Amino acid sequence: MDEIFDKLQAVADRYDELNELISDPEVIADTQRFMKLSKEEGSLRETVEKYNQYKKVVQQVNEDEELLREKLDDDMEQLTKEELAESKTQQEELEQDLRVMLLPKDPNDDKNIIMEIHGAAGGDEASLFAADLFDMYSRYAEKQGWQVEVVDKSDTEVGGFKEIVLMISGDKVYSKLKYENGAHRVQRIPVTESAGRVHTSTATVGVMPEAEDVDIDIDPKDIRTDVYRSSGAGGQHINKTSSAVRMTHLPTGIVVAMQDERSQQQNRAKAIKILRARVYDYYQQKEQSAYDEQRKSAVGTGDRSERIRTYNYPQNRVTDHRIGLTLNKLDRIMNGELDEIIDALVIADQTEKMENLRNE
């Protein structure tokens, strides 16, 4: 624990330094710097509080051990031994918590996300499964107290989605849903299948942290914006007004088209939000690919083409292939009860990171 103790003391020292800085009038006057330092202070607070709690428990253990070396009456000795056992258990639990807290943090964990769900292989059935995944994530978000906003969607005639884009906002959304990136496979008898045969279809899920100005600086000269008339339902207004917007980020070739809103201004605002997230994600994926060439993660690479999970309806079974987890409660999972899967993925990720730290 010595090397961890040193790291924790460094974190506590930085926390004290940050508290002094954010009280400095010069820093308060510089809004961007103040926000950045406040965010860092907030991210360290829980670790420092846990570390202070740990130091108190260690002190209690030392005092009890010292007391037991003295001559005590039987009752006092018994009480001290019980208190010592309790404190040692608490010390072990706090040590484990602190090890996890010292793992390299994903800077995006606190962020809202933009999620894209696409019907992939399987035609109409894939689009229906994309709609089922949308319902599943919406129910999970509701249970977490998060907000879901549909930003864009492309419906199919059977009631599914070729694509649906949503923004999920709330507390630490990315930290929970980042593991959903990839190809989701469904095995079931489609409603369109008259012979009752089980089909296999896929939908892909992309999870991108909402990018802020401090995360990525996109030069306006790198964006080409085209406006055009919206198509689809909406009456005469749609045909008369060039309210739809297409934005192209020239260096990466990433394109975002938006015609969901009635005004060009609203479509522009949504398009730039999605474009910023996609460009940020693009550069992050490039960095991650270089990292993954050196070391594979227990929970996969985050590549959307990687098959991560199978939903088997006839057997009411869900299998996450990255960590070998199988649960026979598909009905509950599709109702948004994702905690068991997500918790297992978080633990697998933390275990892998701890292993890597030990090997470095």
Protein backbone atom coordinates (compact mmCIF):
# COMPACT_ATOMS: atom_id res chain seq x y z
CA MET A 1 0.00 0.00 0.00
CA ASP A 2 3.06 2.30 0.32
CA GLU A 3 3.18 3.35 -3.35
CA ILE A 4 -0.60 3.84 -3.31
CA PHE A 5 -0.27 5.88 -0.10
CA ASP A 6 2.23 8.17 -1.90
CA LYS A 7 -0.16 8.62 -4.83
CA LEU A 8 -3.04 9.37 -2.48
CA GLN A 9 -1.02 11.97 -0.62
CA ALA A 10 -0.16 13.61 -3.95
CA VAL A 11 -3.89 13.70 -4.82
CA ALA A 12 -4.69 15.25 -1.40
CA ASP A 13 -1.96 17.87 -1.89
CA ARG A 14 -3.30 18.75 -5.34
CA TYR A 15 -6.82 19.00 -3.92
CA ASP A 16 -5.63 21.53 -1.29
CA GLU A 17 -3.80 23.47 -3.99
CA LEU A 18 -6.93 23.58 -6.17
CA ASN A 19 -9.05 24.85 -3.28
CA GLU A 20 -6.62 27.72 -2.82
CA LEU A 21 -6.57 28.49 -6.56
CA ILE A 22 -10.36 28.62 -6.98
CA SER A 23 -10.53 31.07 -4.09
CA ASP A 24 -8.05 33.39 -5.85
CA PRO A 25 -9.79 36.51 -7.28
CA GLU A 26 -7.60 36.38 -10.42
CA VAL A 27 -8.68 32.81 -11.14
CA ILE A 28 -12.34 33.63 -10.42
CA ALA A 29 -12.13 36.45 -12.97
CA ASP A 30 -10.89 34.00 -15.65
CA THR A 31 -14.14 32.06 -16.19
CA GLN A 32 -12.69 29.29 -18.36
CA ARG A 33 -9.76 28.61 -16.01
CA PHE A 34 -12.05 28.75 -12.98
CA MET A 35 -14.41 26.19 -14.55
CA LYS A 36 -11.55 23.88 -15.51
CA LEU A 37 -10.00 24.00 -12.00
CA SER A 38 -13.40 23.60 -10.31
CA LYS A 39 -14.08 20.53 -12.44
CA GLU A 40 -10.70 19.04 -11.43
CA GLU A 41 -11.38 19.85 -7.75
CA GLY A 42 -14.79 18.15 -7.99
CA SER A 43 -13.26 15.05 -9.60
CA LEU A 44 -10.77 14.65 -6.70
CA ARG A 45 -13.18 15.38 -3.84
CA GLU A 46 -14.55 11.86 -3.36
CA THR A 47 -11.05 10.30 -3.41
CA VAL A 48 -9.72 12.78 -0.83
CA GLU A 49 -12.74 12.24 1.45
CA LYS A 50 -12.25 8.47 1.23
CA TYR A 51 -8.50 8.88 1.88
CA ASN A 52 -9.18 10.98 5.02
CA GLN A 53 -11.61 8.30 6.19
CA TYR A 54 -8.93 5.65 5.54
CA LYS A 55 -6.32 7.58 7.59
CA LYS A 56 -8.76 7.75 10.55
CA VAL A 57 -9.38 4.00 10.37
CA VAL A 58 -5.64 3.25 10.20
CA GLN A 59 -5.13 5.46 13.24
CA GLN A 60 -7.86 3.53 15.08
CA VAL A 61 -6.21 0.19 14.16
CA ASN A 62 -2.84 1.42 15.48
CA GLU A 63 -4.40 2.67 18.74
CA ASP A 64 -6.25 -0.63 19.34
CA GLU A 65 -3.10 -2.68 18.64
CA GLU A 66 -1.17 -0.46 21.04
CA LEU A 67 -3.89 -0.90 23.68
CA LEU A 68 -3.82 -4.69 23.37
CA ARG A 69 -0.11 -4.69 24.18
CA GLU A 70 -1.02 -3.32 27.63
CA LYS A 71 -2.53 -5.27 30.51
CA LEU A 72 -6.31 -5.00 30.24
CA ASP A 73 -9.18 -6.61 32.10
CA ASP A 74 -11.06 -9.29 30.19
CA ASP A 75 -14.05 -7.13 29.21
CA MET A 76 -11.87 -4.29 27.95
CA GLU A 77 -9.65 -6.71 26.02
CA GLN A 78 -12.68 -8.34 24.37
CA LEU A 79 -14.16 -4.94 23.39
CA THR A 80 -10.83 -3.77 21.97
CA LYS A 81 -10.41 -6.98 19.93
CA GLU A 82 -13.91 -6.61 18.47
CA GLU A 83 -13.26 -2.96 17.58
CA LEU A 84 -9.91 -3.90 16.01
CA ALA A 85 -11.46 -6.65 13.87
CA GLU A 86 -14.15 -4.22 12.67
CA SER A 87 -11.58 -1.50 11.90
CA LYS A 88 -9.36 -3.94 9.96
CA THR A 89 -12.30 -5.04 7.83
CA GLN A 90 -13.13 -1.41 7.16
CA GLN A 91 -9.47 -0.71 6.34
CA GLU A 92 -9.41 -3.51 3.73
CA GLU A 93 -12.63 -2.27 2.13
CA LEU A 94 -11.35 1.31 1.98
CA GLU A 95 -8.02 0.14 0.50
CA GLN A 96 -9.90 -1.68 -2.28
CA ASP A 97 -12.07 1.39 -2.96
CA LEU A 98 -9.03 3.65 -3.08
CA ARG A 99 -7.20 1.32 -5.50
CA VAL A 100 -10.17 1.59 -7.86
CA MET A 101 -10.30 5.38 -7.42
CA LEU A 102 -6.63 5.66 -8.41
CA LEU A 103 -7.13 3.80 -11.70
CA PRO A 104 -6.64 5.98 -14.79
CA LYS A 105 -9.89 7.89 -15.24
CA ASP A 106 -11.70 8.23 -18.53
CA PRO A 107 -11.99 12.02 -18.97
CA ASN A 108 -15.36 11.52 -20.67
CA ASP A 109 -17.05 9.57 -17.85
CA ASP A 110 -18.99 12.57 -16.51
CA LYS A 111 -20.31 13.57 -19.93
CA ASN A 112 -23.71 13.33 -21.60
CA ILE A 113 -23.79 11.19 -24.73
CA ILE A 114 -25.06 11.11 -28.27
CA MET A 115 -26.18 7.58 -29.13
CA GLU A 116 -26.77 6.34 -32.68
CA ILE A 117 -28.67 3.09 -33.24
CA HIS A 118 -28.71 1.64 -36.79
CA GLY A 119 -30.61 -1.33 -38.13
CA ALA A 120 -27.83 -3.38 -39.80
CA ALA A 121 -28.03 -6.91 -41.27
CA GLY A 122 -31.57 -8.32 -41.47
CA GLY A 123 -33.75 -5.76 -43.28
CA ASP A 124 -37.09 -5.01 -41.60
CA GLU A 125 -36.30 -7.24 -38.63
CA ALA A 126 -33.03 -5.33 -37.99
CA SER A 127 -34.96 -2.03 -38.02
CA LEU A 128 -37.48 -3.45 -35.51
CA PHE A 129 -34.63 -4.60 -33.27
CA ALA A 130 -33.11 -1.08 -33.49
CA ALA A 131 -36.47 0.23 -32.16
CA ASP A 132 -36.37 -2.38 -29.35
CA LEU A 133 -32.87 -1.25 -28.37
CA PHE A 134 -34.06 2.36 -28.37
CA ASP A 135 -36.89 1.38 -25.98
CA MET A 136 -34.45 -0.57 -23.79
CA TYR A 137 -32.03 2.35 -23.43
CA SER A 138 -34.88 4.83 -22.91
CA ARG A 139 -36.26 2.72 -20.04
CA TYR A 140 -32.79 2.33 -18.52
CA ALA A 141 -32.25 6.11 -18.75
CA GLU A 142 -35.60 6.71 -17.04
CA LYS A 143 -34.59 4.40 -14.16
CA GLN A 144 -31.31 6.40 -13.82
CA GLY A 145 -33.17 9.72 -13.76
CA TRP A 146 -31.61 10.80 -17.09
CA GLN A 147 -33.23 12.82 -19.89
CA VAL A 148 -33.61 11.37 -23.41
CA GLU A 149 -34.11 13.57 -26.46
CA VAL A 150 -34.53 12.15 -29.96
CA VAL A 151 -32.36 14.30 -32.20
CA ASP A 152 -32.98 12.59 -35.54
CA LYS A 153 -34.62 9.43 -36.83
CA SER A 154 -35.36 7.57 -40.03
CA ASP A 155 -38.47 5.35 -39.72
CA THR A 156 -39.27 2.19 -41.65
CA GLU A 157 -42.72 1.15 -42.89
CA VAL A 158 -42.88 -1.74 -40.38
CA GLY A 159 -42.47 0.58 -37.38
CA GLY A 160 -38.74 0.26 -36.84
CA PHE A 161 -35.78 2.57 -37.41
CA LYS A 162 -33.13 2.54 -40.10
CA GLU A 163 -31.38 4.94 -37.77
CA ILE A 164 -32.24 6.86 -34.62
CA VAL A 165 -30.00 9.44 -32.94
CA LEU A 166 -30.63 10.46 -29.34
CA MET A 167 -29.02 12.62 -26.71
CA ILE A 168 -28.99 11.24 -23.17
CA SER A 169 -28.25 13.79 -20.43
CA GLY A 170 -27.71 13.30 -16.71
CA ASP A 171 -25.19 12.20 -14.11
CA LYS A 172 -22.19 10.22 -15.45
CA VAL A 173 -24.07 8.92 -18.52
CA TYR A 174 -20.97 8.05 -20.55
CA SER A 175 -19.42 6.08 -17.67
CA LYS A 176 -22.34 3.62 -17.79
CA LEU A 177 -23.24 3.49 -21.49
CA LYS A 178 -19.79 3.60 -23.13
CA TYR A 179 -19.70 -0.21 -23.05
CA GLU A 180 -22.73 -0.39 -25.40
CA ASN A 181 -20.63 0.53 -28.44
CA GLY A 182 -20.72 -2.28 -31.00
CA ALA A 183 -22.90 -4.76 -32.89
CA HIS A 184 -25.90 -6.23 -31.05
CA ARG A 185 -27.25 -9.51 -32.45
CA VAL A 186 -30.84 -10.72 -32.05
CA GLN A 187 -32.13 -14.28 -32.54
CA ARG A 188 -35.91 -14.61 -32.75
CA ILE A 189 -38.88 -15.40 -34.99
CA PRO A 190 -39.63 -12.14 -36.84
CA VAL A 191 -43.23 -10.88 -36.94
CA THR A 192 -42.82 -10.94 -40.74
CA GLU A 193 -41.90 -14.66 -40.74
CA SER A 194 -44.87 -16.92 -41.49
CA ALA A 195 -42.99 -20.25 -41.23
CA GLY A 196 -41.95 -19.65 -37.62
CA ARG A 197 -38.19 -19.92 -38.21
CA VAL A 198 -35.68 -18.18 -35.95
CA HIS A 199 -33.74 -15.46 -37.79
CA THR A 200 -30.53 -13.69 -36.81
CA SER A 201 -30.30 -9.93 -37.34
CA THR A 202 -28.05 -7.16 -36.07
CA ALA A 203 -28.21 -3.52 -35.07
CA THR A 204 -25.20 -1.35 -34.30
CA VAL A 205 -24.96 1.09 -31.42
CA GLY A 206 -22.55 4.02 -31.37
CA VAL A 207 -21.96 5.93 -28.12
CA MET A 208 -20.16 9.26 -28.31
CA PRO A 209 -19.46 11.67 -25.46
CA GLU A 210 -21.00 15.09 -26.00
CA ALA A 211 -18.03 17.26 -26.96
CA GLU A 212 -17.60 20.68 -25.41
CA ASP A 213 -15.59 23.63 -26.73
CA VAL A 214 -12.73 22.78 -24.36
CA ASP A 215 -12.59 19.20 -25.74
CA ILE A 216 -12.23 19.98 -29.42
CA ASP A 217 -11.69 23.18 -31.34
CA ILE A 218 -13.29 22.95 -34.79
CA ASP A 219 -12.26 25.73 -37.16
CA PRO A 220 -15.42 27.14 -38.80
CA LYS A 221 -13.46 27.19 -42.10
CA ASP A 222 -13.32 23.37 -41.89
CA ILE A 223 -17.14 23.09 -42.00
CA ARG A 224 -19.11 23.30 -45.23
CA THR A 225 -22.82 23.97 -44.63
CA ASP A 226 -25.51 23.31 -47.27
CA VAL A 227 -29.18 24.11 -46.80
CA TYR A 228 -32.01 22.42 -48.69
CA ARG A 229 -35.73 21.73 -48.48
CA SER A 230 -36.89 19.07 -46.04
CA SER A 231 -38.58 15.97 -47.38
CA GLY A 232 -41.24 13.82 -45.72
CA ALA A 233 -44.35 14.57 -43.72
CA GLY A 234 -45.05 18.13 -42.68
CA GLY A 235 -47.26 19.70 -45.33
CA GLN A 236 -46.61 22.72 -47.54
CA HIS A 237 -44.27 24.39 -45.04
CA ILE A 238 -41.66 21.69 -45.62
CA ASN A 239 -41.62 22.15 -49.39
CA LYS A 240 -41.44 25.95 -49.30
CA THR A 241 -38.63 26.47 -46.78
CA SER A 242 -34.96 25.46 -46.99
CA SER A 243 -34.85 24.45 -43.34
CA ALA A 244 -32.82 21.23 -43.65
CA VAL A 245 -29.08 21.49 -43.01
CA ARG A 246 -26.16 19.35 -44.13
CA MET A 247 -22.78 19.96 -42.47
CA THR A 248 -19.52 18.44 -43.72
CA HIS A 249 -16.30 18.46 -41.69
CA LEU A 250 -13.80 18.70 -44.54
CA PRO A 251 -10.66 17.25 -42.82
CA THR A 252 -12.44 14.02 -41.82
CA GLY A 253 -15.25 13.87 -44.38
CA ILE A 254 -17.83 13.42 -41.59
CA VAL A 255 -21.31 14.49 -42.72
CA VAL A 256 -24.35 15.33 -40.56
CA ALA A 257 -27.74 16.01 -42.15
CA MET A 258 -30.58 17.38 -40.02
CA GLN A 259 -34.17 18.10 -41.04
CA ASP A 260 -36.04 17.13 -37.90
CA GLU A 261 -36.86 20.69 -36.79
CA ARG A 262 -39.04 23.22 -38.60
CA SER A 263 -36.50 26.04 -38.51
CA GLN A 264 -33.07 26.14 -40.13
CA GLN A 265 -31.60 27.65 -36.94
CA GLN A 266 -32.78 24.70 -34.80
CA ASN A 267 -31.45 22.20 -37.34
CA ARG A 268 -28.09 24.02 -37.42
CA ALA A 269 -27.83 23.87 -33.60
CA LYS A 270 -28.54 20.12 -33.54
CA ALA A 271 -26.27 19.40 -36.51
CA ILE A 272 -23.25 21.17 -35.01
CA LYS A 273 -23.78 19.32 -31.71
CA ILE A 274 -23.73 15.93 -33.47
CA LEU A 275 -20.90 16.94 -35.81
CA ARG A 276 -18.76 18.05 -32.85
CA ALA A 277 -19.39 14.71 -31.07
CA ARG A 278 -18.61 12.66 -34.20
CA VAL A 279 -15.39 14.53 -34.95
CA TYR A 280 -14.28 14.25 -31.30
CA ASP A 281 -15.13 10.53 -31.38
CA TYR A 282 -13.24 10.09 -34.68
CA TYR A 283 -9.99 11.48 -33.25
CA GLN A 284 -10.45 9.57 -30.00
CA GLN A 285 -10.95 6.29 -31.89
CA LYS A 286 -7.70 6.89 -33.79
CA GLU A 287 -5.86 7.35 -30.49
CA GLN A 288 -7.61 4.29 -29.03
CA SER A 289 -6.69 2.14 -32.05
CA ALA A 290 -3.02 2.97 -31.53
CA TYR A 291 -3.40 2.10 -27.82
CA ASP A 292 -5.25 -1.15 -28.55
CA GLU A 293 -2.48 -2.37 -30.83
CA GLN A 294 -0.31 -2.52 -27.72
CA ARG A 295 -2.94 -3.85 -25.31
CA LYS A 296 -6.39 -5.39 -25.74
CA SER A 297 -9.04 -4.46 -23.19
CA ALA A 298 -11.22 -7.04 -21.45
CA VAL A 299 -14.31 -5.22 -22.67
CA GLY A 300 -13.23 -4.89 -26.29
CA THR A 301 -12.03 -2.11 -28.52
CA GLY A 302 -15.24 -0.08 -28.80
CA ASP A 303 -15.34 -0.76 -32.54
CA ARG A 304 -18.92 -0.63 -33.81
CA SER A 305 -18.36 -3.67 -36.03
CA GLU A 306 -17.35 -5.81 -33.04
CA ARG A 307 -20.17 -8.18 -32.01
CA ILE A 308 -20.62 -7.55 -28.32
CA ARG A 309 -23.92 -9.11 -27.29
CA THR A 310 -26.56 -11.66 -28.39
CA TYR A 311 -30.24 -11.39 -27.44
CA ASN A 312 -31.86 -14.84 -27.82
CA TYR A 313 -35.65 -14.52 -27.51
CA PRO A 314 -36.68 -18.23 -27.70
CA GLN A 315 -34.48 -18.99 -24.66
CA ASN A 316 -35.00 -15.61 -22.88
CA ARG A 317 -31.21 -15.32 -22.82
CA VAL A 318 -28.67 -12.49 -23.17
CA THR A 319 -24.95 -13.17 -23.61
CA ASP A 320 -22.24 -10.52 -23.48
CA HIS A 321 -19.40 -12.05 -25.50
CA ARG A 322 -16.65 -9.75 -24.19
CA ILE A 323 -16.81 -11.01 -20.61
CA GLY A 324 -18.60 -14.34 -21.11
CA LEU A 325 -21.66 -13.27 -19.11
CA THR A 326 -24.98 -15.07 -19.78
CA LEU A 327 -28.25 -14.07 -18.10
CA ASN A 328 -31.59 -15.83 -18.54
CA LYS A 329 -33.68 -12.71 -18.10
CA LEU A 330 -33.94 -11.14 -21.55
CA ASP A 331 -37.48 -9.87 -20.83
CA ARG A 332 -36.23 -7.84 -17.85
CA ILE A 333 -33.16 -6.55 -19.68
CA MET A 334 -35.28 -5.34 -22.62
CA ASN A 335 -37.39 -3.54 -19.99
CA GLY A 336 -34.33 -1.43 -19.13
CA GLU A 337 -32.92 -3.53 -16.27
CA LEU A 338 -29.33 -3.24 -17.51
CA ASP A 339 -27.57 -2.74 -14.17
CA GLU A 340 -26.34 -6.32 -13.83
CA ILE A 341 -24.68 -6.29 -17.26
CA ILE A 342 -23.22 -2.80 -16.89
CA ASP A 343 -21.90 -3.48 -13.36
CA ALA A 344 -20.18 -6.66 -14.63
CA LEU A 345 -18.59 -4.73 -17.52
CA VAL A 346 -17.36 -1.98 -15.16
CA ILE A 347 -15.79 -4.59 -12.83
CA ALA A 348 -14.14 -6.40 -15.77
CA ASP A 349 -12.72 -3.10 -17.01
CA GLN A 350 -11.43 -2.13 -13.55
CA THR A 351 -9.88 -5.59 -13.02
CA GLU A 352 -8.10 -5.35 -16.37
CA LYS A 353 -6.76 -1.87 -15.55
CA MET A 354 -5.51 -3.03 -12.12
CA GLU A 355 -3.74 -5.97 -13.79
CA ASN A 356 -2.12 -3.63 -16.29
CA LEU A 357 -0.94 -1.28 -13.49
CA ARG A 358 0.67 -4.20 -11.66
CA ASN A 359 2.46 -5.32 -14.83
CA GLU A 360 3.84 -1.87 -15.68
